[in-house]
Amino acid sequence: MKKKKLVILSGAGISAESGLATFRGSDGLWEGHKIEDVATPQAWKKNPEMVLEFYNQRRKQGLLAKPNKGHLIIKALEKDFDVVVITQNVDNLHEQAKSKKIIHLHGHLFQSRSTKNENEVFEITGWELNPGDKAPDGSQLRPNIVWFGEAVPMMETAIDEVSNADFLVVVGTSMQVYPAASLVDYVPGKTPIFVVDPGAVEVRTNKQIVYIQKVATIGMEEISSLLKEKLNQLQGS
């Protein structure tokens, strides 16, 4: 029997439980930096050395982080479902947890790309990407991160995945970051949606949404049980 398709949309909250700072704190800073100074094309043009060093430090922290119970539960769900992970996170914690299908909406911390051709992408060995590190086309390598003001190249792929989902789980995100937050609009009308986030705000909608206002490591345990219960009901009907 073909497995039901389960799409997971993960955000910063799930990585926070592995010790990685959330993208934007209540003070409007990201690891002590203004967003516009490290995560925009303008910042790259103005001070590429600072941008490279900022992501070097994030990469260094990322190497120390390990997947938590939330990541591992998502991986374990592959036993019963065809799981696709769409993540807003740039870390590699879903990869470390061995999830098979992962779409990075906002890029990947451990990759670089040509500044001339965004399709020329390279793995970063270790944690450093420095001025003078060049792509084969001769251009300076930059982090393969989607910065504010840039298009989200994987958005169409993500839309296609959620449009065919039998279940959608949103975990670790309050759904305030666009265009990622708009993905729920593409879910089929009768597809159950589960939202796991301590700051989840209920919205008026005709979609079937279950809210679990807990952190990912705890909430995903409940989700796992609920999903298996739903699956048993479908298989018994």
C-alpha atoms as a PDB file:
ATOM      1  CA  MET A   1       0.000   0.000   0.000  1.00  0.00           C
ATOM      2  CA  LYS A   2       1.304   3.454  -0.925  1.00  0.00           C
ATOM      3  CA  LYS A   3       2.263   5.510   2.107  1.00  0.00           C
ATOM      4  CA  LYS A   4       0.353   8.696   2.895  1.00  0.00           C
ATOM      5  CA  LYS A   5       2.315  11.861   2.214  1.00  0.00           C
ATOM      6  CA  LEU A   6       3.338  13.787   5.327  1.00  0.00           C
ATOM      7  CA  VAL A   7       4.893  17.213   4.804  1.00  0.00           C
ATOM      8  CA  ILE A   8       6.800  18.772   7.703  1.00  0.00           C
ATOM      9  CA  LEU A   9       7.407  22.524   7.655  1.00  0.00           C
ATOM     10  CA  SER A  10      10.080  23.241  10.260  1.00  0.00           C
ATOM     11  CA  GLY A  11      11.326  26.548  11.630  1.00  0.00           C
ATOM     12  CA  ALA A  12      13.854  28.013  14.032  1.00  0.00           C
ATOM     13  CA  GLY A  13      12.132  26.674  17.151  1.00  0.00           C
ATOM     14  CA  ILE A  14      13.171  23.096  16.492  1.00  0.00           C
ATOM     15  CA  SER A  15      16.822  24.125  16.033  1.00  0.00           C
ATOM     16  CA  ALA A  16      16.711  26.292  19.164  1.00  0.00           C
ATOM     17  CA  GLU A  17      16.316  23.137  21.253  1.00  0.00           C
ATOM     18  CA  SER A  18      19.654  21.972  19.845  1.00  0.00           C
ATOM     19  CA  GLY A  19      21.297  25.187  21.033  1.00  0.00           C
ATOM     20  CA  LEU A  20      21.143  27.246  17.833  1.00  0.00           C
ATOM     21  CA  ALA A  21      19.928  30.820  18.135  1.00  0.00           C
ATOM     22  CA  THR A  22      16.598  31.647  16.562  1.00  0.00           C
ATOM     23  CA  PHE A  23      16.764  33.836  13.504  1.00  0.00           C
ATOM     24  CA  ARG A  24      15.400  36.985  15.071  1.00  0.00           C
ATOM     25  CA  GLY A  25      15.168  37.545  18.811  1.00  0.00           C
ATOM     26  CA  SER A  26      12.780  39.905  20.585  1.00  0.00           C
ATOM     27  CA  ASP A  27      15.450  42.619  20.421  1.00  0.00           C
ATOM     28  CA  GLY A  28      15.477  42.502  16.613  1.00  0.00           C
ATOM     29  CA  LEU A  29      19.029  41.199  16.527  1.00  0.00           C
ATOM     30  CA  TRP A  30      20.517  37.976  15.208  1.00  0.00           C
ATOM     31  CA  GLU A  31      23.431  36.870  17.374  1.00  0.00           C
ATOM     32  CA  GLY A  32      24.057  40.519  18.271  1.00  0.00           C
ATOM     33  CA  HIS A  33      23.934  41.782  14.673  1.00  0.00           C
ATOM     34  CA  LYS A  34      21.310  43.840  12.903  1.00  0.00           C
ATOM     35  CA  ILE A  35      19.690  41.757  10.184  1.00  0.00           C
ATOM     36  CA  GLU A  36      20.394  44.384   7.546  1.00  0.00           C
ATOM     37  CA  ASP A  37      24.125  44.225   8.349  1.00  0.00           C
ATOM     38  CA  VAL A  38      24.569  40.496   7.715  1.00  0.00           C
ATOM     39  CA  ALA A  39      21.629  39.090   5.768  1.00  0.00           C
ATOM     40  CA  THR A  40      20.966  41.322   2.773  1.00  0.00           C
ATOM     41  CA  PRO A  41      22.552  41.770  -0.662  1.00  0.00           C
ATOM     42  CA  GLN A  42      23.344  45.340   0.399  1.00  0.00           C
ATOM     43  CA  ALA A  43      25.325  44.084   3.405  1.00  0.00           C
ATOM     44  CA  TRP A  44      27.313  41.773   1.131  1.00  0.00           C
ATOM     45  CA  LYS A  45      28.105  44.625  -1.231  1.00  0.00           C
ATOM     46  CA  LYS A  46      29.045  46.977   1.606  1.00  0.00           C
ATOM     47  CA  ASN A  47      31.102  44.652   3.806  1.00  0.00           C
ATOM     48  CA  PRO A  48      31.572  41.105   2.466  1.00  0.00           C
ATOM     49  CA  GLU A  49      34.305  40.377   5.021  1.00  0.00           C
ATOM     50  CA  MET A  50      31.905  40.953   7.931  1.00  0.00           C
ATOM     51  CA  VAL A  51      29.197  38.857   6.286  1.00  0.00           C
ATOM     52  CA  LEU A  52      31.630  35.986   5.671  1.00  0.00           C
ATOM     53  CA  GLU A  53      32.876  36.110   9.256  1.00  0.00           C
ATOM     54  CA  PHE A  54      29.345  36.181  10.637  1.00  0.00           C
ATOM     55  CA  TYR A  55      28.419  33.016   8.765  1.00  0.00           C
ATOM     56  CA  ASN A  56      31.762  31.422   9.677  1.00  0.00           C
ATOM     57  CA  GLN A  57      30.827  31.795  13.334  1.00  0.00           C
ATOM     58  CA  ARG A  58      27.344  30.413  12.738  1.00  0.00           C
ATOM     59  CA  ARG A  59      28.872  27.486  10.885  1.00  0.00           C
ATOM     60  CA  LYS A  60      31.297  26.873  13.736  1.00  0.00           C
ATOM     61  CA  GLN A  61      28.356  26.732  16.156  1.00  0.00           C
ATOM     62  CA  GLY A  62      26.425  24.538  13.760  1.00  0.00           C
ATOM     63  CA  LEU A  63      29.177  21.930  13.749  1.00  0.00           C
ATOM     64  CA  LEU A  64      28.677  21.479  17.492  1.00  0.00           C
ATOM     65  CA  ALA A  65      24.898  21.108  17.314  1.00  0.00           C
ATOM     66  CA  LYS A  66      23.200  17.724  17.297  1.00  0.00           C
ATOM     67  CA  PRO A  67      19.666  16.798  16.279  1.00  0.00           C
ATOM     68  CA  ASN A  68      17.196  16.677  19.150  1.00  0.00           C
ATOM     69  CA  LYS A  69      14.209  14.454  19.847  1.00  0.00           C
ATOM     70  CA  GLY A  70      12.032  16.543  17.540  1.00  0.00           C
ATOM     71  CA  HIS A  71      14.299  15.865  14.566  1.00  0.00           C
ATOM     72  CA  LEU A  72      14.520  12.175  15.429  1.00  0.00           C
ATOM     73  CA  ILE A  73      10.734  11.794  15.699  1.00  0.00           C
ATOM     74  CA  ILE A  74      10.379  13.329  12.240  1.00  0.00           C
ATOM     75  CA  LYS A  75      12.851  10.782  10.899  1.00  0.00           C
ATOM     76  CA  ALA A  76      11.037   7.919  12.671  1.00  0.00           C
ATOM     77  CA  LEU A  77       7.758   8.903  10.999  1.00  0.00           C
ATOM     78  CA  GLU A  78       9.252   7.717   7.698  1.00  0.00           C
ATOM     79  CA  LYS A  79       8.393   4.194   8.832  1.00  0.00           C
ATOM     80  CA  ASP A  80       4.668   4.901   8.368  1.00  0.00           C
ATOM     81  CA  PHE A  81       4.588   7.915   6.028  1.00  0.00           C
ATOM     82  CA  ASP A  82       6.202   9.309   2.909  1.00  0.00           C
ATOM     83  CA  VAL A  83       7.844  12.234   4.741  1.00  0.00           C
ATOM     84  CA  VAL A  84       9.040  15.411   3.040  1.00  0.00           C
ATOM     85  CA  VAL A  85      10.751  18.013   5.240  1.00  0.00           C
ATOM     86  CA  ILE A  86      10.517  21.623   4.109  1.00  0.00           C
ATOM     87  CA  THR A  87      12.711  23.647   6.431  1.00  0.00           C
ATOM     88  CA  GLN A  88      13.202  27.366   6.904  1.00  0.00           C
ATOM     89  CA  ASN A  89      16.383  26.520   8.805  1.00  0.00           C
ATOM     90  CA  VAL A  90      19.824  26.717   7.211  1.00  0.00           C
ATOM     91  CA  ASP A  91      21.476  24.203   9.571  1.00  0.00           C
ATOM     92  CA  ASN A  92      22.017  20.514   8.784  1.00  0.00           C
ATOM     93  CA  LEU A  93      20.193  19.000  11.767  1.00  0.00           C
ATOM     94  CA  HIS A  94      17.568  17.256   9.629  1.00  0.00           C
ATOM     95  CA  GLU A  95      20.420  15.787   7.577  1.00  0.00           C
ATOM     96  CA  GLN A  96      22.146  14.622  10.747  1.00  0.00           C
ATOM     97  CA  ALA A  97      18.903  12.978  11.850  1.00  0.00           C
ATOM     98  CA  LYS A  98      18.979  11.088   8.502  1.00  0.00           C
ATOM     99  CA  SER A  99      15.729  12.424   7.079  1.00  0.00           C
ATOM    100  CA  LYS A 100      15.603  11.312   3.452  1.00  0.00           C
ATOM    101  CA  LYS A 101      13.755  14.150   1.696  1.00  0.00           C
ATOM    102  CA  ILE A 102      14.735  17.684   2.730  1.00  0.00           C
ATOM    103  CA  ILE A 103      14.003  20.987   1.007  1.00  0.00           C
ATOM    104  CA  HIS A 104      15.901  24.022   2.319  1.00  0.00           C
ATOM    105  CA  LEU A 105      13.809  27.107   1.602  1.00  0.00           C
ATOM    106  CA  HIS A 106      16.350  29.634   2.839  1.00  0.00           C
ATOM    107  CA  GLY A 107      19.555  27.967   1.721  1.00  0.00           C
ATOM    108  CA  HIS A 108      22.163  25.886   3.492  1.00  0.00           C
ATOM    109  CA  LEU A 109      24.749  27.050   6.002  1.00  0.00           C
ATOM    110  CA  PHE A 110      27.274  24.429   4.899  1.00  0.00           C
ATOM    111  CA  GLN A 111      27.183  25.398   1.234  1.00  0.00           C
ATOM    112  CA  SER A 112      28.648  28.244  -0.786  1.00  0.00           C
ATOM    113  CA  ARG A 113      27.797  29.496  -4.242  1.00  0.00           C
ATOM    114  CA  SER A 114      29.183  31.593  -7.024  1.00  0.00           C
ATOM    115  CA  THR A 115      28.306  35.276  -6.924  1.00  0.00           C
ATOM    116  CA  LYS A 116      27.884  35.161 -10.711  1.00  0.00           C
ATOM    117  CA  ASN A 117      25.711  32.040 -10.989  1.00  0.00           C
ATOM    118  CA  GLU A 118      23.383  31.048  -8.147  1.00  0.00           C
ATOM    119  CA  ASN A 119      23.143  27.519  -9.545  1.00  0.00           C
ATOM    120  CA  GLU A 120      26.873  26.917  -9.000  1.00  0.00           C
ATOM    121  CA  VAL A 121      26.732  25.491  -5.460  1.00  0.00           C
ATOM    122  CA  PHE A 122      29.551  23.876  -3.475  1.00  0.00           C
ATOM    123  CA  GLU A 123      29.825  22.057  -0.156  1.00  0.00           C
ATOM    124  CA  ILE A 124      31.853  23.779   2.557  1.00  0.00           C
ATOM    125  CA  THR A 125      34.382  21.537   4.276  1.00  0.00           C
ATOM    126  CA  GLY A 126      34.863  22.649   7.865  1.00  0.00           C
ATOM    127  CA  TRP A 127      33.488  26.024   8.880  1.00  0.00           C
ATOM    128  CA  GLU A 128      35.453  28.737   7.088  1.00  0.00           C
ATOM    129  CA  LEU A 129      34.612  30.631   3.907  1.00  0.00           C
ATOM    130  CA  ASN A 130      37.050  33.492   3.418  1.00  0.00           C
ATOM    131  CA  PRO A 131      37.748  36.459   1.151  1.00  0.00           C
ATOM    132  CA  GLY A 132      39.643  35.163  -1.856  1.00  0.00           C
ATOM    133  CA  ASP A 133      37.875  31.793  -1.924  1.00  0.00           C
ATOM    134  CA  LYS A 134      36.791  31.602  -5.547  1.00  0.00           C
ATOM    135  CA  ALA A 135      34.305  29.592  -7.562  1.00  0.00           C
ATOM    136  CA  PRO A 136      35.566  27.937 -10.776  1.00  0.00           C
ATOM    137  CA  ASP A 137      34.136  30.909 -12.688  1.00  0.00           C
ATOM    138  CA  GLY A 138      36.528  33.188 -10.812  1.00  0.00           C
ATOM    139  CA  SER A 139      33.930  34.921  -8.657  1.00  0.00           C
ATOM    140  CA  GLN A 140      34.100  35.241  -4.881  1.00  0.00           C
ATOM    141  CA  LEU A 141      32.169  32.492  -3.124  1.00  0.00           C
ATOM    142  CA  ARG A 142      29.312  33.650  -0.891  1.00  0.00           C
ATOM    143  CA  PRO A 143      27.144  31.744   1.582  1.00  0.00           C
ATOM    144  CA  ASN A 144      24.383  29.779  -0.133  1.00  0.00           C
ATOM    145  CA  ILE A 145      21.810  31.604   1.964  1.00  0.00           C
ATOM    146  CA  VAL A 146      18.654  33.318   0.743  1.00  0.00           C
ATOM    147  CA  TRP A 147      18.995  36.831   2.117  1.00  0.00           C
ATOM    148  CA  PHE A 148      16.236  39.370   2.713  1.00  0.00           C
ATOM    149  CA  GLY A 149      15.279  40.899  -0.591  1.00  0.00           C
ATOM    150  CA  GLU A 150      16.241  37.807  -2.611  1.00  0.00           C
ATOM    151  CA  ALA A 151      13.916  35.338  -4.325  1.00  0.00           C
ATOM    152  CA  VAL A 152      13.279  31.960  -2.681  1.00  0.00           C
ATOM    153  CA  PRO A 153      14.254  29.547  -5.480  1.00  0.00           C
ATOM    154  CA  MET A 154      12.821  26.427  -3.803  1.00  0.00           C
ATOM    155  CA  MET A 155       9.405  27.969  -3.194  1.00  0.00           C
ATOM    156  CA  GLU A 156       7.748  26.417  -6.248  1.00  0.00           C
ATOM    157  CA  THR A 157       9.060  22.978  -5.266  1.00  0.00           C
ATOM    158  CA  ALA A 158       7.712  23.473  -1.739  1.00  0.00           C
ATOM    159  CA  ILE A 159       4.308  24.561  -3.064  1.00  0.00           C
ATOM    160  CA  ASP A 160       4.135  21.413  -5.178  1.00  0.00           C
ATOM    161  CA  GLU A 161       4.870  19.256  -2.129  1.00  0.00           C
ATOM    162  CA  VAL A 162       2.250  20.815   0.167  1.00  0.00           C
ATOM    163  CA  SER A 163      -0.313  20.805  -2.644  1.00  0.00           C
ATOM    164  CA  ASN A 164      -0.116  17.014  -2.603  1.00  0.00           C
ATOM    165  CA  ALA A 165       0.093  16.503   1.150  1.00  0.00           C
ATOM    166  CA  ASP A 166      -2.173  14.110   3.021  1.00  0.00           C
ATOM    167  CA  PHE A 167      -0.987  15.646   6.305  1.00  0.00           C
ATOM    168  CA  LEU A 168       0.918  18.843   7.126  1.00  0.00           C
ATOM    169  CA  VAL A 169       2.854  19.438  10.340  1.00  0.00           C
ATOM    170  CA  VAL A 170       4.186  22.925  11.070  1.00  0.00           C
ATOM    171  CA  VAL A 171       6.782  22.788  13.849  1.00  0.00           C
ATOM    172  CA  GLY A 172       8.978  25.416  15.464  1.00  0.00           C
ATOM    173  CA  THR A 173       7.641  28.418  13.588  1.00  0.00           C
ATOM    174  CA  SER A 174       4.980  30.995  14.376  1.00  0.00           C
ATOM    175  CA  MET A 175       4.391  31.352  10.618  1.00  0.00           C
ATOM    176  CA  GLN A 176       5.392  35.010  10.479  1.00  0.00           C
ATOM    177  CA  VAL A 177       8.107  34.682   7.812  1.00  0.00           C
ATOM    178  CA  TYR A 178       6.949  35.044   4.232  1.00  0.00           C
ATOM    179  CA  PRO A 179       6.765  33.595   1.664  1.00  0.00           C
ATOM    180  CA  ALA A 180       7.176  30.373   3.721  1.00  0.00           C
ATOM    181  CA  ALA A 181       4.120  31.194   5.840  1.00  0.00           C
ATOM    182  CA  SER A 182       1.952  31.206   2.712  1.00  0.00           C
ATOM    183  CA  LEU A 183       2.561  27.488   2.140  1.00  0.00           C
ATOM    184  CA  VAL A 184      -0.437  26.540   4.290  1.00  0.00           C
ATOM    185  CA  ASP A 185      -2.632  28.263   1.698  1.00  0.00           C
ATOM    186  CA  TYR A 186      -1.716  25.565  -0.831  1.00  0.00           C
ATOM    187  CA  VAL A 187      -2.695  22.598   1.340  1.00  0.00           C
ATOM    188  CA  PRO A 188      -5.758  20.703   0.032  1.00  0.00           C
ATOM    189  CA  GLY A 189      -8.915  21.717   1.871  1.00  0.00           C
ATOM    190  CA  LYS A 190      -9.459  18.414   3.684  1.00  0.00           C
ATOM    191  CA  THR A 191      -5.810  17.841   4.622  1.00  0.00           C
ATOM    192  CA  PRO A 192      -5.327  17.910   8.420  1.00  0.00           C
ATOM    193  CA  ILE A 193      -2.812  20.522   9.611  1.00  0.00           C
ATOM    194  CA  PHE A 194      -0.973  20.303  12.926  1.00  0.00           C
ATOM    195  CA  VAL A 195       0.871  23.318  14.332  1.00  0.00           C
ATOM    196  CA  VAL A 196       3.478  22.754  17.073  1.00  0.00           C
ATOM    197  CA  ASP A 197       4.888  25.941  18.583  1.00  0.00           C
ATOM    198  CA  PRO A 198       4.660  27.465  22.071  1.00  0.00           C
ATOM    199  CA  GLY A 199       3.806  30.817  20.480  1.00  0.00           C
ATOM    200  CA  ALA A 200       1.303  29.465  17.974  1.00  0.00           C
ATOM    201  CA  VAL A 201      -1.557  31.868  17.362  1.00  0.00           C
ATOM    202  CA  GLU A 202      -4.843  30.384  16.235  1.00  0.00           C
ATOM    203  CA  VAL A 203      -6.202  31.875  13.030  1.00  0.00           C
ATOM    204  CA  ARG A 204      -9.686  31.855  11.541  1.00  0.00           C
ATOM    205  CA  THR A 205      -9.724  29.424   8.672  1.00  0.00           C
ATOM    206  CA  ASN A 206     -11.875  26.702   7.184  1.00  0.00           C
ATOM    207  CA  LYS A 207      -8.920  24.304   7.256  1.00  0.00           C
ATOM    208  CA  GLN A 208      -8.596  21.516   9.820  1.00  0.00           C
ATOM    209  CA  ILE A 209      -5.893  22.823  12.177  1.00  0.00           C
ATOM    210  CA  VAL A 210      -4.851  21.285  15.496  1.00  0.00           C
ATOM    211  CA  TYR A 211      -2.693  23.581  17.643  1.00  0.00           C
ATOM    212  CA  ILE A 212      -0.206  22.190  20.145  1.00  0.00           C
ATOM    213  CA  GLN A 213       1.394  25.057  22.059  1.00  0.00           C
ATOM    214  CA  LYS A 214       4.515  23.224  23.140  1.00  0.00           C
ATOM    215  CA  VAL A 215       8.169  23.079  22.164  1.00  0.00           C
ATOM    216  CA  ALA A 216       9.121  20.727  19.343  1.00  0.00           C
ATOM    217  CA  THR A 217      10.677  17.949  21.420  1.00  0.00           C
ATOM    218  CA  ILE A 218       7.492  17.568  23.476  1.00  0.00           C
ATOM    219  CA  GLY A 219       4.910  18.519  20.885  1.00  0.00           C
ATOM    220  CA  MET A 220       6.255  16.149  18.232  1.00  0.00           C
ATOM    221  CA  GLU A 221       5.631  13.198  20.548  1.00  0.00           C
ATOM    222  CA  GLU A 222       1.954  14.157  20.639  1.00  0.00           C
ATOM    223  CA  ILE A 223       1.940  14.710  16.890  1.00  0.00           C
ATOM    224  CA  SER A 224       3.433  11.285  16.242  1.00  0.00           C
ATOM    225  CA  SER A 225       0.646   9.648  18.236  1.00  0.00           C
ATOM    226  CA  LEU A 226      -2.061  11.756  16.576  1.00  0.00           C
ATOM    227  CA  LEU A 227      -0.770  10.999  13.089  1.00  0.00           C
ATOM    228  CA  LYS A 228      -0.640   7.273  13.708  1.00  0.00           C
ATOM    229  CA  GLU A 229      -4.158   7.415  15.139  1.00  0.00           C
ATOM    230  CA  LYS A 230      -5.379   9.240  12.014  1.00  0.00           C
ATOM    231  CA  LEU A 231      -3.606   6.702   9.823  1.00  0.00           C
ATOM    232  CA  ASN A 232      -5.220   3.783  11.639  1.00  0.00           C
ATOM    233  CA  GLN A 233      -8.640   5.408  11.194  1.00  0.00           C
ATOM    234  CA  LEU A 234      -8.040   5.795   7.454  1.00  0.00           C
ATOM    235  CA  GLN A 235      -6.819   2.240   7.076  1.00  0.00           C
ATOM    236  CA  GLY A 236      -9.787   0.899   9.054  1.00  0.00           C
ATOM    237  CA  SER A 237     -12.386   2.798   7.058  1.00  0.00           C
END
